[in-house]
Protein backbone atom coordinates (compact mmCIF):
# COMPACT_ATOMS: atom_id res chain seq x y z
CA MET A 1 135.39 123.27 113.29
CA GLY A 2 133.11 126.18 113.88
CA ALA A 3 133.54 129.52 115.56
CA ALA A 4 136.34 128.64 117.97
CA GLY A 5 138.68 127.67 115.16
CA ASN A 6 138.28 130.91 113.22
CA SER A 7 140.49 133.46 114.93
CA VAL A 8 144.22 133.46 115.49
CA ARG A 9 143.56 134.11 119.18
CA GLU A 10 141.35 131.02 119.46
CA GLU A 11 143.83 128.89 117.51
CA ASP A 12 146.52 130.06 119.93
CA ALA A 13 144.30 129.14 122.88
CA MET A 14 143.69 125.70 121.39
CA SER A 15 147.45 125.21 120.96
CA ARG A 16 148.06 126.21 124.57
CA LEU A 17 145.41 123.79 125.77
CA ALA A 18 146.97 121.06 123.62
CA ALA A 19 150.30 121.76 125.35
CA VAL A 20 148.72 120.77 128.68
CA GLY A 21 147.10 117.62 127.33
CA PHE A 22 143.80 118.67 125.77
CA THR A 23 142.73 117.09 122.50
CA LYS A 24 141.42 119.31 119.71
CA TYR A 25 137.81 118.50 120.62
CA GLU A 26 138.39 118.97 124.35
CA ALA A 27 139.97 122.36 123.73
CA PHE A 28 137.14 123.34 121.40
CA ALA A 29 134.46 122.36 123.92
CA TYR A 30 136.22 124.21 126.74
CA LEU A 31 136.64 127.37 124.65
CA MET A 32 133.01 127.22 123.50
CA LEU A 33 131.90 126.99 127.11
CA LEU A 34 134.08 129.96 128.07
CA GLU A 35 132.26 131.98 125.41
CA GLU A 36 128.75 130.81 126.25
CA HIS A 37 127.73 128.76 129.26
CA PRO A 38 126.09 126.72 130.46
CA ALA A 39 125.52 124.71 127.30
CA THR A 40 124.32 121.26 126.32
CA VAL A 41 126.13 118.69 124.19
CA TYR A 42 123.75 119.57 121.36
CA GLU A 43 124.46 123.31 121.60
CA ILE A 44 128.22 122.77 121.56
CA SER A 45 128.05 120.29 118.68
CA LYS A 46 125.87 122.64 116.65
CA ARG A 47 128.26 125.58 117.13
CA GLY A 48 131.26 123.50 116.17
CA ALA A 49 129.73 121.36 113.43
CA LEU A 50 130.86 118.32 115.42
CA THR A 51 129.01 115.11 116.11
CA LYS A 52 127.24 114.88 119.44
CA GLY A 53 129.29 111.75 120.10
CA ASP A 54 132.58 113.63 119.68
CA VAL A 55 131.37 116.42 121.95
CA CYS A 56 130.07 113.98 124.55
CA THR A 57 133.41 112.15 124.60
CA ALA A 58 135.31 115.44 124.88
CA LEU A 59 133.08 116.71 127.68
CA THR A 60 133.42 113.48 129.64
CA SER A 61 137.18 113.84 129.40
CA VAL A 62 137.33 117.52 130.37
CA VAL A 63 135.02 116.85 133.32
CA GLN A 64 137.53 114.21 134.46
CA LYS A 65 140.36 116.72 133.95
CA GLY A 66 138.54 119.23 136.13
CA ALA A 67 138.10 121.80 133.35
CA VAL A 68 134.31 121.58 133.04
CA GLN A 69 131.50 120.81 135.45
CA PRO A 70 127.95 119.66 134.83
CA ALA A 71 125.74 122.61 135.78
CA ASN A 72 122.38 120.82 136.05
CA ASP A 73 120.38 117.77 134.95
CA ALA A 74 117.96 116.91 132.15
CA PRO A 75 119.34 117.96 129.79
CA VAL A 76 122.79 118.20 131.28
CA ARG A 77 124.31 121.62 130.75
CA TYR A 78 128.01 122.19 131.24
CA ALA A 79 129.98 125.15 132.54
CA PRO A 80 133.73 125.76 132.38
CA VAL A 81 136.02 126.09 135.35
CA GLU A 82 137.57 129.56 135.24
CA PRO A 83 140.96 129.51 133.47
CA GLN A 84 142.86 130.81 136.51
CA ALA A 85 141.50 128.00 138.70
CA LEU A 86 142.02 125.39 135.97
CA PHE A 87 145.63 126.31 135.31
CA GLY A 88 146.37 126.63 139.02
CA SER A 89 145.17 123.05 139.41
CA ILE A 90 147.22 121.89 136.43
CA ALA A 91 150.32 123.64 137.82
CA ARG A 92 149.87 121.95 141.21
CA ARG A 93 149.48 118.53 139.58
CA MET A 94 152.59 119.09 137.45
CA ALA A 95 154.59 120.19 140.49
CA SER A 96 153.49 117.06 142.33
CA VAL A 97 154.51 114.82 139.43
CA ARG A 98 157.83 116.65 139.14
CA GLY A 99 158.49 116.08 142.84
CA GLU A 100 157.60 112.40 142.62
CA LEU A 101 159.86 111.89 139.62
CA ALA A 102 162.70 113.82 141.22
CA SER A 103 162.53 111.56 144.27
CA MET A 104 162.96 108.53 142.00
CA ALA A 105 166.19 109.84 140.50
């Protein structure tokens, strides 16, 4: 992949995102948007040397995960949710799942 895969710091960030359920492409798209937003599918795919289809699939998924939001229409540009808010949301969901599973035991 392109720029996001180049540094050790970005590889570490991608690994951390993978640990909370992001695919490689989802993590890449999210990190690209943190660096430069809002951005279109085309802009993200160009920076990462990815197909627009792969980026579109990844963005659809990260929107569903609450990590990215469409910023406007025609063409749709995307913006990331701030990491603190994103990981707060993930932590709350995990705590809820943990509680539900604990009540089943």
